């Protein structure tokens, strides 16, 4: 590869990285807004339930079950943001 083509490839990858970082920051800010708007008792209750499940199952099994629910955990903040926008 020539120096010029490597330079252009680096620029392209850098632009993609900048775009991904901007999207990450935007999603992060939207999640913060949704978290602030949500009911604090719901957050505390969810944490207590998660702690009780982790305590009864053990950390290893709780981690395995959390990994299986990962897609749901990713979609839940988006659901909250959509619910708050209506």
N, C-alpha and C. Protein backbone atom coordinates (compact mmCIF):
# COMPACT_ATOMS: atom_id res chain seq x y z
N UNK A 1 0.84 -1.18 0.00
CA UNK A 1 0.00 0.00 0.00
C UNK A 1 0.88 1.24 0.00
N UNK A 2 0.39 2.22 -0.67
CA UNK A 2 1.14 3.46 -0.71
C UNK A 2 0.86 4.27 0.54
N UNK A 3 1.69 5.22 0.76
CA UNK A 3 1.55 6.09 1.92
C UNK A 3 0.23 6.87 1.86
N UNK A 4 -0.14 7.29 0.66
CA UNK A 4 -1.36 8.07 0.48
C UNK A 4 -2.60 7.22 0.79
N UNK A 5 -2.61 5.97 0.33
CA UNK A 5 -3.77 5.11 0.59
C UNK A 5 -3.87 4.77 2.08
N UNK A 6 -2.73 4.57 2.73
CA UNK A 6 -2.74 4.33 4.18
C UNK A 6 -3.27 5.54 4.93
N UNK A 7 -2.87 6.71 4.50
CA UNK A 7 -3.34 7.95 5.12
C UNK A 7 -4.86 8.07 4.99
N UNK A 8 -5.39 7.77 3.80
CA UNK A 8 -6.84 7.85 3.59
C UNK A 8 -7.57 6.79 4.41
N UNK A 9 -6.98 5.63 4.52
CA UNK A 9 -7.62 4.58 5.31
C UNK A 9 -7.65 4.97 6.79
N UNK A 10 -6.57 5.55 7.28
CA UNK A 10 -6.53 6.02 8.67
C UNK A 10 -7.56 7.11 8.89
N UNK A 11 -7.71 8.02 7.94
CA UNK A 11 -8.71 9.07 8.07
C UNK A 11 -10.12 8.49 8.11
N UNK A 12 -10.38 7.50 7.27
CA UNK A 12 -11.69 6.86 7.23
C UNK A 12 -12.01 6.17 8.56
N UNK A 13 -11.04 5.43 9.08
CA UNK A 13 -11.25 4.75 10.36
C UNK A 13 -11.42 5.76 11.48
N UNK A 14 -10.69 6.85 11.43
CA UNK A 14 -10.81 7.89 12.44
C UNK A 14 -12.19 8.54 12.40
N UNK A 15 -12.73 8.79 11.22
CA UNK A 15 -14.07 9.35 11.09
C UNK A 15 -15.12 8.41 11.65
N UNK A 16 -14.97 7.11 11.37
CA UNK A 16 -15.90 6.12 11.90
C UNK A 16 -15.85 6.09 13.43
N UNK A 17 -14.64 6.16 13.98
CA UNK A 17 -14.49 6.17 15.43
C UNK A 17 -15.12 7.42 16.04
N UNK A 18 -14.92 8.57 15.42
CA UNK A 18 -15.53 9.81 15.92
C UNK A 18 -17.05 9.72 15.89
N UNK A 19 -17.60 9.15 14.83
CA UNK A 19 -19.05 8.98 14.74
C UNK A 19 -19.57 8.06 15.83
N UNK A 20 -18.88 6.95 16.06
CA UNK A 20 -19.30 6.02 17.11
C UNK A 20 -19.21 6.67 18.48
N UNK A 21 -18.18 7.48 18.71
CA UNK A 21 -18.05 8.17 20.00
C UNK A 21 -19.18 9.18 20.18
N UNK A 22 -19.53 9.91 19.15
CA UNK A 22 -20.64 10.86 19.24
C UNK A 22 -21.95 10.15 19.53
N UNK A 23 -22.19 9.03 18.87
CA UNK A 23 -23.41 8.26 19.14
C UNK A 23 -23.42 7.73 20.56
N UNK A 24 -22.27 7.28 21.05
CA UNK A 24 -22.18 6.79 22.42
C UNK A 24 -22.49 7.90 23.41
N UNK A 25 -21.93 9.08 23.20
CA UNK A 25 -22.19 10.20 24.11
C UNK A 25 -23.65 10.63 24.05
N UNK A 26 -24.24 10.64 22.88
CA UNK A 26 -25.65 10.99 22.75
C UNK A 26 -26.53 9.98 23.48
N UNK A 27 -26.25 8.71 23.31
CA UNK A 27 -27.01 7.67 24.00
C UNK A 27 -26.82 7.77 25.50
N UNK A 28 -25.62 8.08 25.93
CA UNK A 28 -25.33 8.24 27.35
C UNK A 28 -26.12 9.40 27.95
N UNK A 29 -26.17 10.51 27.26
CA UNK A 29 -26.93 11.67 27.74
C UNK A 29 -28.43 11.37 27.80
N UNK A 30 -28.93 10.68 26.78
CA UNK A 30 -30.36 10.34 26.77
C UNK A 30 -30.69 9.36 27.90
N UNK A 31 -29.79 8.44 28.18
CA UNK A 31 -30.01 7.50 29.29
C UNK A 31 -30.00 8.23 30.63
N UNK A 32 -29.12 9.21 30.78
CA UNK A 32 -29.09 10.00 32.01
C UNK A 32 -30.40 10.75 32.21
N UNK A 33 -30.93 11.33 31.13
CA UNK A 33 -32.20 12.06 31.22
C UNK A 33 -33.32 11.11 31.61
N UNK A 34 -33.36 9.93 30.99
CA UNK A 34 -34.39 8.95 31.31
C UNK A 34 -34.26 8.47 32.76
N UNK A 35 -33.03 8.32 33.24
CA UNK A 35 -32.81 7.89 34.61
C UNK A 35 -33.27 8.95 35.60
N UNK A 36 -33.02 10.21 35.28
CA UNK A 36 -33.44 11.29 36.17
C UNK A 36 -34.96 11.39 36.22
N UNK A 37 -35.62 11.13 35.08
CA UNK A 37 -37.08 11.22 35.03
C UNK A 37 -37.78 10.01 35.64
N UNK A 38 -37.07 8.91 35.82
CA UNK A 38 -37.72 7.71 36.34
C UNK A 38 -37.93 7.82 37.84
N UNK A 39 -38.83 7.00 38.34
CA UNK A 39 -39.20 7.00 39.74
C UNK A 39 -38.05 6.42 40.57
N UNK A 40 -37.59 7.13 41.60
CA UNK A 40 -36.47 6.62 42.40
C UNK A 40 -36.83 5.35 43.17
N UNK A 41 -38.10 5.20 43.56
CA UNK A 41 -38.51 3.99 44.25
C UNK A 41 -38.44 2.77 43.33
N UNK A 42 -38.70 2.98 42.04
CA UNK A 42 -38.57 1.90 41.08
C UNK A 42 -37.11 1.47 40.96
N UNK A 43 -36.20 2.43 40.95
CA UNK A 43 -34.78 2.11 40.87
C UNK A 43 -34.31 1.36 42.11
N UNK A 44 -34.73 1.82 43.27
CA UNK A 44 -34.33 1.17 44.52
C UNK A 44 -34.92 -0.23 44.58
N UNK A 45 -36.19 -0.36 44.20
CA UNK A 45 -36.84 -1.68 44.21
C UNK A 45 -36.18 -2.64 43.26
N UNK A 46 -35.81 -2.16 42.09
CA UNK A 46 -35.13 -3.01 41.11
C UNK A 46 -33.79 -3.47 41.65
N UNK A 47 -33.07 -2.57 42.29
CA UNK A 47 -31.78 -2.94 42.88
C UNK A 47 -31.93 -3.95 44.00
N UNK A 48 -32.98 -3.79 44.82
CA UNK A 48 -33.22 -4.74 45.90
C UNK A 48 -33.57 -6.12 45.36
N UNK A 49 -34.42 -6.15 44.33
CA UNK A 49 -34.78 -7.44 43.73
C UNK A 49 -33.56 -8.10 43.10
N UNK A 50 -32.76 -7.32 42.40
CA UNK A 50 -31.55 -7.88 41.79
C UNK A 50 -30.59 -8.41 42.86
N UNK A 51 -30.46 -7.68 43.95
CA UNK A 51 -29.60 -8.14 45.04
C UNK A 51 -30.13 -9.40 45.68
N UNK A 52 -31.46 -9.50 45.86
CA UNK A 52 -32.05 -10.70 46.45
C UNK A 52 -31.86 -11.90 45.54
N UNK A 53 -32.03 -11.69 44.24
CA UNK A 53 -31.83 -12.79 43.29
C UNK A 53 -30.38 -13.24 43.30
N UNK A 54 -29.47 -12.28 43.29
CA UNK A 54 -28.05 -12.62 43.31
C UNK A 54 -27.68 -13.33 44.61
N UNK A 55 -28.29 -12.93 45.71
CA UNK A 55 -28.00 -13.57 46.99
C UNK A 55 -28.55 -14.98 47.06
N UNK A 56 -29.73 -15.21 46.49
CA UNK A 56 -30.32 -16.54 46.58
C UNK A 56 -29.71 -17.51 45.57
N UNK A 57 -29.39 -17.03 44.37
CA UNK A 57 -28.83 -17.90 43.35
C UNK A 57 -27.33 -18.08 43.48
N UNK A 58 -26.69 -17.11 44.05
CA UNK A 58 -25.22 -17.07 44.04
C UNK A 58 -24.78 -16.20 42.88
N UNK A 59 -23.62 -15.61 43.02
CA UNK A 59 -23.17 -14.63 42.03
C UNK A 59 -22.92 -15.25 40.66
N UNK A 60 -22.42 -16.48 40.65
CA UNK A 60 -22.10 -17.10 39.36
C UNK A 60 -23.36 -17.35 38.55
N UNK A 61 -24.39 -17.93 39.16
CA UNK A 61 -25.64 -18.20 38.45
C UNK A 61 -26.37 -16.90 38.11
N UNK A 62 -26.30 -15.92 39.01
CA UNK A 62 -26.95 -14.64 38.74
C UNK A 62 -26.29 -13.96 37.55
N UNK A 63 -24.97 -14.06 37.45
CA UNK A 63 -24.25 -13.47 36.32
C UNK A 63 -24.65 -14.17 35.02
N UNK A 64 -24.75 -15.49 35.06
CA UNK A 64 -25.15 -16.23 33.86
C UNK A 64 -26.55 -15.84 33.42
N UNK A 65 -27.47 -15.70 34.37
CA UNK A 65 -28.84 -15.32 34.00
C UNK A 65 -28.89 -13.87 33.52
N UNK A 66 -28.04 -13.01 34.07
CA UNK A 66 -28.00 -11.61 33.59
C UNK A 66 -27.49 -11.55 32.17
N UNK A 67 -26.55 -12.40 31.82
CA UNK A 67 -26.04 -12.42 30.46
C UNK A 67 -27.14 -12.85 29.49
N UNK A 68 -28.00 -13.76 29.92
CA UNK A 68 -29.09 -14.19 29.05
C UNK A 68 -30.15 -13.10 28.90
N UNK A 69 -30.27 -12.22 29.90
CA UNK A 69 -31.23 -11.11 29.82
C UNK A 69 -30.61 -9.83 29.26
N UNK A 70 -29.38 -9.90 28.80
CA UNK A 70 -28.67 -8.71 28.32
C UNK A 70 -29.42 -7.97 27.21
N UNK A 71 -29.97 -8.66 26.20
CA UNK A 71 -30.72 -7.91 25.18
C UNK A 71 -31.90 -7.12 25.76
N UNK A 72 -32.57 -7.70 26.75
CA UNK A 72 -33.68 -7.00 27.40
C UNK A 72 -33.17 -5.78 28.15
N UNK A 73 -32.02 -5.93 28.81
CA UNK A 73 -31.46 -4.82 29.57
C UNK A 73 -31.02 -3.68 28.66
N UNK A 74 -30.62 -4.00 27.45
CA UNK A 74 -30.22 -2.97 26.49
C UNK A 74 -31.45 -2.24 25.97
N UNK A 75 -32.54 -2.95 25.75
CA UNK A 75 -33.73 -2.34 25.17
C UNK A 75 -34.55 -1.56 26.20
N UNK A 76 -34.41 -1.87 27.50
CA UNK A 76 -35.21 -1.21 28.51
C UNK A 76 -34.98 0.30 28.59
N UNK A 77 -33.73 0.81 28.59
CA UNK A 77 -33.57 2.28 28.60
C UNK A 77 -34.18 2.94 27.36
N UNK A 78 -34.09 2.28 26.22
CA UNK A 78 -34.72 2.83 25.02
C UNK A 78 -36.23 2.88 25.18
N UNK A 79 -36.78 1.85 25.81
CA UNK A 79 -38.22 1.84 26.08
C UNK A 79 -38.60 2.98 27.01
N UNK A 80 -37.79 3.21 28.04
CA UNK A 80 -38.07 4.31 28.97
C UNK A 80 -37.99 5.66 28.26
N UNK A 81 -36.99 5.82 27.38
CA UNK A 81 -36.86 7.09 26.66
C UNK A 81 -38.06 7.30 25.73
N UNK A 82 -38.51 6.24 25.08
CA UNK A 82 -39.66 6.36 24.18
C UNK A 82 -40.91 6.66 24.98
N UNK A 83 -41.02 6.08 26.17
CA UNK A 83 -42.18 6.30 27.02
C UNK A 83 -42.21 7.75 27.52
N UNK A 84 -41.04 8.31 27.83
CA UNK A 84 -40.96 9.68 28.32
C UNK A 84 -41.21 10.70 27.21
N UNK A 85 -40.96 10.33 25.95
CA UNK A 85 -41.15 11.26 24.86
C UNK A 85 -42.60 11.38 24.43
N UNK A 86 -43.42 10.40 24.82
CA UNK A 86 -44.85 10.44 24.42
C UNK A 86 -45.65 11.42 25.23
